[in-house]
C-alpha atoms as a PDB file:
ATOM      1  CA  MET A   1      70.267  35.759 -44.254  1.00  0.00           C
ATOM      2  CA  MET A   2      73.681  35.697 -44.417  1.00  0.00           C
ATOM      3  CA  PHE A   3      75.971  36.598 -47.158  1.00  0.00           C
ATOM      4  CA  VAL A   4      76.391  33.047 -48.833  1.00  0.00           C
ATOM      5  CA  SER A   5      72.833  32.890 -49.137  1.00  0.00           C
ATOM      6  CA  HIS A   6      72.540  36.398 -50.375  1.00  0.00           C
ATOM      7  CA  LEU A   7      75.299  35.650 -52.831  1.00  0.00           C
ATOM      8  CA  LEU A   8      73.924  32.367 -54.208  1.00  0.00           C
ATOM      9  CA  PHE A   9      70.199  33.634 -54.303  1.00  0.00           C
ATOM     10  CA  GLY A  10      71.685  36.952 -56.217  1.00  0.00           C
ATOM     11  CA  MET A  11      73.377  35.091 -58.981  1.00  0.00           C
ATOM     12  CA  LEU A  12      70.713  32.226 -59.306  1.00  0.00           C
ATOM     13  CA  ALA A  13      68.183  35.165 -59.727  1.00  0.00           C
ATOM     14  CA  GLY A  14      70.462  36.805 -62.168  1.00  0.00           C
ATOM     15  CA  ILE A  15      70.616  33.442 -64.368  1.00  0.00           C
ATOM     16  CA  LEU A  16      67.026  33.415 -64.488  1.00  0.00           C
ATOM     17  CA  GLY A  17      66.696  37.347 -64.844  1.00  0.00           C
ATOM     18  CA  CYS A  18      68.845  37.211 -67.624  1.00  0.00           C
ATOM     19  CA  SER A  19      67.147  34.236 -69.570  1.00  0.00           C
ATOM     20  CA  PHE A  20      63.436  35.952 -69.065  1.00  0.00           C
ATOM     21  CA  LEU A  21      65.007  39.125 -70.790  1.00  0.00           C
ATOM     22  CA  ARG A  22      67.003  37.570 -73.192  1.00  0.00           C
ATOM     23  CA  CYS A  23      70.348  39.503 -72.610  1.00  0.00           C
ATOM     24  CA  ASP A  24      73.372  38.495 -74.307  1.00  0.00           C
ATOM     25  CA  ASN A  25      76.056  38.031 -71.179  1.00  0.00           C
ATOM     26  CA  VAL A  26      74.999  35.765 -68.695  1.00  0.00           C
ATOM     27  CA  VAL A  27      77.746  36.005 -66.898  1.00  0.00           C
ATOM     28  CA  VAL A  28      77.687  39.807 -66.710  1.00  0.00           C
ATOM     29  CA  PHE A  29      74.230  39.909 -65.898  1.00  0.00           C
ATOM     30  CA  ALA A  30      74.431  37.178 -62.677  1.00  0.00           C
ATOM     31  CA  SER A  31      77.635  38.927 -61.640  1.00  0.00           C
ATOM     32  CA  VAL A  32      75.865  42.544 -61.298  1.00  0.00           C
ATOM     33  CA  SER A  33      73.031  40.653 -60.030  1.00  0.00           C
ATOM     34  CA  ALA A  34      75.081  38.881 -57.510  1.00  0.00           C
ATOM     35  CA  PHE A  35      77.055  41.811 -56.291  1.00  0.00           C
ATOM     36  CA  ALA A  36      73.609  43.807 -55.927  1.00  0.00           C
ATOM     37  CA  SER A  37      72.207  41.379 -53.870  1.00  0.00           C
ATOM     38  CA  MET A  38      74.347  42.654 -51.276  1.00  0.00           C
ATOM     39  CA  ILE A  39      73.791  46.158 -51.403  1.00  0.00           C
ATOM     40  CA  PRO A  40      70.820  46.290 -48.838  1.00  0.00           C
ATOM     41  CA  ASP A  41      73.170  44.852 -45.857  1.00  0.00           C
ATOM     42  CA  LEU A  42      75.422  48.231 -46.623  1.00  0.00           C
ATOM     43  CA  ASP A  43      73.079  49.398 -43.491  1.00  0.00           C
ATOM     44  CA  HIS A  44      74.393  46.961 -41.017  1.00  0.00           C
ATOM     45  CA  LEU A  45      78.311  48.035 -40.653  1.00  0.00           C
ATOM     46  CA  ASN A  46      79.227  44.454 -39.537  1.00  0.00           C
ATOM     47  CA  SER A  47      78.005  42.980 -42.879  1.00  0.00           C
ATOM     48  CA  LYS A  48      80.810  41.602 -45.202  1.00  0.00           C
ATOM     49  CA  ILE A  49      79.967  44.233 -47.821  1.00  0.00           C
ATOM     50  CA  SER A  50      79.853  47.277 -45.331  1.00  0.00           C
ATOM     51  CA  ARG A  51      83.467  46.346 -44.086  1.00  0.00           C
ATOM     52  CA  LYS A  52      84.574  46.276 -48.166  1.00  0.00           C
ATOM     53  CA  LEU A  53      82.848  49.602 -48.976  1.00  0.00           C
ATOM     54  CA  GLN A  54      83.107  51.284 -45.500  1.00  0.00           C
ATOM     55  CA  PRO A  55      82.444  55.064 -47.127  1.00  0.00           C
ATOM     56  CA  PHE A  56      78.905  53.998 -48.242  1.00  0.00           C
ATOM     57  CA  ALA A  57      78.175  51.718 -45.399  1.00  0.00           C
ATOM     58  CA  VAL A  58      78.717  54.715 -43.016  1.00  0.00           C
ATOM     59  CA  ILE A  59      76.329  56.752 -44.923  1.00  0.00           C
ATOM     60  CA  LEU A  60      73.620  54.025 -45.162  1.00  0.00           C
ATOM     61  CA  SER A  61      74.302  53.127 -41.526  1.00  0.00           C
ATOM     62  CA  LEU A  62      72.468  56.263 -40.645  1.00  0.00           C
ATOM     63  CA  PHE A  63      69.453  54.288 -41.621  1.00  0.00           C
ATOM     64  CA  ARG A  64      68.097  51.656 -39.331  1.00  0.00           C
ATOM     65  CA  HIS A  65      69.076  48.073 -40.307  1.00  0.00           C
ATOM     66  CA  ARG A  66      66.032  46.406 -42.377  1.00  0.00           C
ATOM     67  CA  GLY A  67      64.803  50.115 -42.455  1.00  0.00           C
ATOM     68  CA  PHE A  68      64.511  52.145 -45.688  1.00  0.00           C
ATOM     69  CA  VAL A  69      67.312  50.277 -47.248  1.00  0.00           C
ATOM     70  CA  HIS A  70      65.548  47.306 -47.145  1.00  0.00           C
ATOM     71  CA  SER A  71      62.276  48.811 -49.077  1.00  0.00           C
ATOM     72  CA  VAL A  72      61.392  48.670 -52.527  1.00  0.00           C
ATOM     73  CA  PHE A  73      62.346  52.435 -52.804  1.00  0.00           C
ATOM     74  CA  PRO A  74      66.216  52.137 -53.287  1.00  0.00           C
ATOM     75  CA  PRO A  75      65.865  49.553 -56.015  1.00  0.00           C
ATOM     76  CA  LEU A  76      63.645  51.314 -57.947  1.00  0.00           C
ATOM     77  CA  ALA A  77      65.499  54.623 -57.655  1.00  0.00           C
ATOM     78  CA  LEU A  78      68.766  52.486 -58.566  1.00  0.00           C
ATOM     79  CA  TYR A  79      66.890  51.109 -61.401  1.00  0.00           C
ATOM     80  CA  PHE A  80      65.608  54.427 -63.031  1.00  0.00           C
ATOM     81  CA  LEU A  81      69.098  55.948 -62.156  1.00  0.00           C
ATOM     82  CA  LEU A  82      70.895  53.002 -64.054  1.00  0.00           C
ATOM     83  CA  LEU A  83      68.484  53.201 -66.735  1.00  0.00           C
ATOM     84  CA  SER A  84      70.197  55.782 -68.778  1.00  0.00           C
ATOM     85  CA  PHE A  85      73.312  53.913 -68.792  1.00  0.00           C
ATOM     86  CA  ASP A  86      72.159  50.321 -69.574  1.00  0.00           C
ATOM     87  CA  PHE A  87      68.655  48.567 -69.465  1.00  0.00           C
ATOM     88  CA  TYR A  88      70.651  45.202 -68.579  1.00  0.00           C
ATOM     89  CA  ILE A  89      72.907  46.683 -65.914  1.00  0.00           C
ATOM     90  CA  ALA A  90      69.785  48.191 -64.450  1.00  0.00           C
ATOM     91  CA  ALA A  91      67.651  45.097 -64.630  1.00  0.00           C
ATOM     92  CA  ALA A  92      70.351  43.100 -63.113  1.00  0.00           C
ATOM     93  CA  VAL A  93      71.007  45.352 -60.192  1.00  0.00           C
ATOM     94  CA  PHE A  94      67.070  45.696 -59.515  1.00  0.00           C
ATOM     95  CA  ILE A  95      66.577  41.752 -59.844  1.00  0.00           C
ATOM     96  CA  GLY A  96      69.756  41.484 -57.378  1.00  0.00           C
ATOM     97  CA  TYR A  97      68.410  43.866 -55.005  1.00  0.00           C
ATOM     98  CA  LEU A  98      65.113  42.452 -54.883  1.00  0.00           C
ATOM     99  CA  SER A  99      66.397  39.048 -54.282  1.00  0.00           C
ATOM    100  CA  HIS A 100      67.826  40.032 -51.098  1.00  0.00           C
ATOM    101  CA  LEU A 101      64.762  41.682 -49.997  1.00  0.00           C
ATOM    102  CA  LEU A 102      62.714  38.406 -50.993  1.00  0.00           C
ATOM    103  CA  LEU A 103      65.437  36.199 -49.012  1.00  0.00           C
ATOM    104  CA  ASP A 104      65.068  38.594 -46.054  1.00  0.00           C
ATOM    105  CA  SER A 105      61.028  38.348 -46.082  1.00  0.00           C
ATOM    106  CA  LEU A 106      61.552  34.738 -45.257  1.00  0.00           C
ATOM    107  CA  THR A 107      63.468  35.288 -42.063  1.00  0.00           C
ATOM    108  CA  VAL A 108      61.608  35.971 -38.960  1.00  0.00           C
ATOM    109  CA  LYS A 109      62.900  39.474 -38.375  1.00  0.00           C
ATOM    110  CA  GLY A 110      61.370  39.886 -41.837  1.00  0.00           C
ATOM    111  CA  VAL A 111      61.209  43.585 -43.931  1.00  0.00           C
ATOM    112  CA  ARG A 112      59.161  46.323 -44.526  1.00  0.00           C
ATOM    113  CA  LEU A 113      58.906  46.646 -48.299  1.00  0.00           C
ATOM    114  CA  LEU A 114      57.007  49.747 -48.411  1.00  0.00           C
ATOM    115  CA  TYR A 115      58.773  51.572 -45.597  1.00  0.00           C
ATOM    116  CA  PRO A 116      58.354  54.529 -44.766  1.00  0.00           C
ATOM    117  CA  VAL A 117      55.071  54.911 -46.146  1.00  0.00           C
ATOM    118  CA  VAL A 118      53.672  51.862 -44.700  1.00  0.00           C
ATOM    119  CA  PRO A 119      55.177  50.085 -41.628  1.00  0.00           C
ATOM    120  CA  PHE A 120      53.689  46.636 -42.557  1.00  0.00           C
ATOM    121  CA  ARG A 121      56.317  44.096 -42.193  1.00  0.00           C
ATOM    122  CA  ILE A 122      56.432  40.552 -44.088  1.00  0.00           C
ATOM    123  CA  SER A 123      58.281  37.854 -42.477  1.00  0.00           C
ATOM    124  CA  GLY A 124      58.674  34.105 -42.321  1.00  0.00           C
ATOM    125  CA  PHE A 125      60.121  31.435 -40.268  1.00  0.00           C
ATOM    126  CA  ILE A 126      63.855  30.977 -40.997  1.00  0.00           C
ATOM    127  CA  LYS A 127      65.989  32.351 -38.568  1.00  0.00           C
ATOM    128  CA  THR A 128      69.370  34.129 -39.850  1.00  0.00           C
ATOM    129  CA  ASN A 129      72.286  31.717 -39.751  1.00  0.00           C
ATOM    130  CA  SER A 130      70.060  28.778 -38.686  1.00  0.00           C
ATOM    131  CA  PHE A 131      70.305  25.048 -39.897  1.00  0.00           C
ATOM    132  CA  SER A 132      67.285  25.929 -42.095  1.00  0.00           C
ATOM    133  CA  GLU A 133      69.083  28.841 -43.691  1.00  0.00           C
ATOM    134  CA  LYS A 134      71.899  26.532 -44.226  1.00  0.00           C
ATOM    135  CA  ILE A 135      69.643  23.845 -45.710  1.00  0.00           C
ATOM    136  CA  LEU A 136      68.376  26.688 -48.355  1.00  0.00           C
ATOM    137  CA  ALA A 137      71.667  27.832 -49.175  1.00  0.00           C
ATOM    138  CA  VAL A 138      72.337  24.176 -50.143  1.00  0.00           C
ATOM    139  CA  MET A 139      69.279  24.025 -51.977  1.00  0.00           C
ATOM    140  CA  LEU A 140      70.364  27.396 -53.608  1.00  0.00           C
ATOM    141  CA  LEU A 141      73.759  25.849 -54.332  1.00  0.00           C
ATOM    142  CA  VAL A 142      72.276  22.841 -56.054  1.00  0.00           C
ATOM    143  CA  LEU A 143      69.997  25.042 -58.196  1.00  0.00           C
ATOM    144  CA  LEU A 144      72.807  26.991 -59.204  1.00  0.00           C
ATOM    145  CA  ILE A 145      75.072  24.466 -60.231  1.00  0.00           C
ATOM    146  CA  MET A 146      72.291  22.921 -62.365  1.00  0.00           C
ATOM    147  CA  TYR A 147      71.700  26.107 -64.446  1.00  0.00           C
ATOM    148  CA  LEU A 148      75.288  26.573 -64.704  1.00  0.00           C
ATOM    149  CA  ALA A 149      75.924  23.009 -66.095  1.00  0.00           C
ATOM    150  CA  ASP A 150      73.252  23.378 -68.572  1.00  0.00           C
ATOM    151  CA  ILE A 151      74.702  27.017 -69.674  1.00  0.00           C
ATOM    152  CA  PHE A 152      78.085  25.724 -70.065  1.00  0.00           C
ATOM    153  CA  ALA A 153      76.667  22.567 -72.011  1.00  0.00           C
ATOM    154  CA  ASN A 154      75.113  24.966 -74.648  1.00  0.00           C
ATOM    155  CA  LEU A 155      78.358  27.205 -74.501  1.00  0.00           C
ATOM    156  CA  PHE A 156      80.255  23.854 -75.789  1.00  0.00           C
ATOM    157  CA  PRO A 157      77.853  21.581 -77.688  1.00  0.00           C
END
């Protein structure tokens, strides 16, 4: 999936996660989640986030794209690392990271969620940057607008 799809889904997942966890600040939670939804692509040097965070990208690019960095182990490690700092930040990073893995599992290339322990790949039918991904991105944008409209309506009754 492309940057915009991950960003939209990460933000949407953050809003839903904040609602589920009853966090106080949906803007911060969704923003952290949206940022975290970009983290897995640090293993690909041509990704938008890799160009912005080159030192991290160089290190993570030592792993194969959609290899270890696209498994469940890094988000779990980040969650437990950040848990001592703040539960909601840890949860937002975890949710955002997992949202990336979920979207990539819908692509033809898929992901190996338990790599390197289990090499089984989960894959779907969407080709990256295809018309079907663009349709998915528009649907995510519509859902995001609906949730944001509801949030703002409740802020200013």
